[in-house]
N, C-alpha and C. Protein backbone atom coordinates (compact mmCIF):
# COMPACT_ATOMS: atom_id res chain seq x y z
N MET A 1 -23.98 28.16 -25.24
CA MET A 1 -24.22 29.55 -25.91
C MET A 1 -24.98 29.03 -27.12
N ARG A 2 -24.88 28.20 -27.78
CA ARG A 2 -25.71 27.71 -28.75
C ARG A 2 -27.06 27.07 -28.51
N VAL A 3 -27.38 26.62 -26.82
CA VAL A 3 -28.61 26.44 -26.23
C VAL A 3 -29.47 27.89 -26.28
N ILE A 4 -28.55 28.92 -25.78
CA ILE A 4 -29.22 30.23 -25.70
C ILE A 4 -29.96 30.83 -27.07
N LEU A 5 -28.80 30.48 -27.96
CA LEU A 5 -29.44 30.93 -29.48
C LEU A 5 -30.47 30.12 -29.57
N PHE A 6 -30.69 28.91 -29.56
CA PHE A 6 -31.74 27.95 -30.17
C PHE A 6 -33.25 28.38 -29.16
N PHE A 7 -33.12 28.78 -27.79
CA PHE A 7 -34.49 29.16 -27.45
C PHE A 7 -34.68 30.51 -27.47
N LEU A 8 -33.78 31.62 -27.77
CA LEU A 8 -33.82 32.74 -28.11
C LEU A 8 -34.66 32.60 -29.65
N PHE A 9 -34.32 31.91 -30.67
CA PHE A 9 -34.58 31.58 -32.10
C PHE A 9 -36.29 31.08 -31.61
N LEU A 10 -36.41 30.14 -30.78
CA LEU A 10 -37.75 29.66 -30.77
C LEU A 10 -38.70 30.83 -30.20
N PHE A 11 -38.38 31.20 -29.16
CA PHE A 11 -38.94 32.60 -28.80
C PHE A 11 -39.45 33.59 -29.75
N MET A 12 -38.40 34.00 -30.48
CA MET A 12 -38.48 35.14 -31.48
C MET A 12 -39.52 34.40 -32.60
N THR A 13 -39.59 32.90 -33.03
CA THR A 13 -40.24 32.64 -33.96
C THR A 13 -41.91 32.57 -33.54
N ALA A 14 -41.80 32.20 -32.31
CA ALA A 14 -43.24 32.38 -31.82
C ALA A 14 -43.67 33.88 -31.58
N CYS A 15 -42.75 34.93 -31.43
CA CYS A 15 -43.18 36.33 -31.21
C CYS A 15 -43.50 36.63 -32.68
N TRP A 16 -42.87 36.15 -33.64
CA TRP A 16 -43.29 36.82 -35.04
C TRP A 16 -44.48 36.00 -35.70
N LYS A 17 -44.93 35.05 -35.25
CA LYS A 17 -46.08 34.26 -35.60
C LYS A 17 -47.20 35.15 -34.82
N ASN A 18 -47.03 35.13 -33.76
CA ASN A 18 -48.24 36.27 -33.36
C ASN A 18 -48.48 37.62 -33.94
N SER A 19 -46.85 38.27 -34.08
CA SER A 19 -46.96 39.91 -34.88
C SER A 19 -47.37 39.49 -36.30
N VAL A 20 -47.40 38.37 -36.97
CA VAL A 20 -48.17 38.48 -38.16
C VAL A 20 -49.34 38.30 -37.78
N LEU A 21 -50.06 37.89 -37.32
CA LEU A 21 -51.32 37.65 -36.97
C LEU A 21 -51.92 39.37 -36.69
N LEU A 22 -51.05 39.59 -35.91
CA LEU A 22 -51.61 41.28 -35.59
C LEU A 22 -51.55 42.16 -36.59
N SER A 23 -50.28 42.46 -36.93
CA SER A 23 -50.02 43.26 -38.00
C SER A 23 -48.69 42.92 -38.63
N PRO A 24 -48.59 42.82 -39.94
CA PRO A 24 -47.57 42.84 -40.97
C PRO A 24 -46.57 43.68 -40.44
N SER A 25 -46.82 45.14 -40.51
CA SER A 25 -45.49 46.15 -40.04
C SER A 25 -44.85 45.54 -38.75
N THR A 26 -45.52 45.29 -37.79
CA THR A 26 -44.93 45.17 -36.50
C THR A 26 -43.98 43.77 -36.85
N ALA A 27 -44.70 42.73 -37.42
CA ALA A 27 -43.63 41.59 -37.93
C ALA A 27 -42.48 42.34 -38.63
N HIS A 28 -42.48 43.21 -39.75
CA HIS A 28 -41.28 43.39 -40.38
C HIS A 28 -40.34 43.98 -39.38
N SER A 29 -40.74 45.07 -38.57
CA SER A 29 -39.83 45.52 -37.80
C SER A 29 -39.25 44.53 -36.81
N PHE A 30 -39.98 43.65 -36.50
CA PHE A 30 -39.52 42.68 -35.48
C PHE A 30 -38.55 41.63 -36.04
N LEU A 31 -38.65 41.57 -37.16
CA LEU A 31 -37.52 40.45 -37.77
C LEU A 31 -36.41 41.44 -38.06
N ALA A 32 -36.43 42.71 -38.35
CA ALA A 32 -35.20 43.69 -38.76
C ALA A 32 -34.76 43.56 -37.47
N LEU A 33 -35.33 43.78 -36.19
CA LEU A 33 -34.89 43.76 -34.89
C LEU A 33 -33.97 42.43 -34.34
N CYS A 34 -34.74 41.33 -34.86
CA CYS A 34 -34.02 40.03 -34.52
C CYS A 34 -32.78 39.83 -35.23
N PHE A 35 -32.75 40.29 -36.67
CA PHE A 35 -31.51 40.16 -37.64
C PHE A 35 -30.09 41.01 -37.24
N VAL A 36 -30.51 41.83 -36.35
CA VAL A 36 -29.57 42.88 -35.60
C VAL A 36 -28.83 42.03 -34.41
N VAL A 37 -30.25 41.36 -33.53
CA VAL A 37 -29.47 41.21 -32.25
C VAL A 37 -28.84 39.68 -32.83
N PHE A 38 -29.19 38.97 -33.75
CA PHE A 38 -28.57 37.67 -34.40
C PHE A 38 -26.83 38.00 -34.73
N ARG A 39 -26.76 39.21 -35.72
CA ARG A 39 -25.63 39.73 -36.08
C ARG A 39 -24.94 40.31 -35.38
N ASP A 40 -24.87 40.77 -33.94
CA ASP A 40 -24.42 40.97 -32.77
C ASP A 40 -23.67 39.94 -32.13
N LEU A 41 -24.65 38.91 -31.78
CA LEU A 41 -24.33 37.63 -30.83
C LEU A 41 -23.12 37.30 -32.06
N ILE A 42 -23.40 36.67 -33.28
CA ILE A 42 -22.49 36.13 -34.16
C ILE A 42 -21.21 37.00 -34.44
């Protein structure tokens, strides 16, 4: 389970960096979505 969370975290970090370069608003909504997902998993 921790391994899955770790890879998910790496994937989201990469997506977040890409979205920051594209548009800040997309990055913020993406971070909010990630927070909800992590909260559900934990």
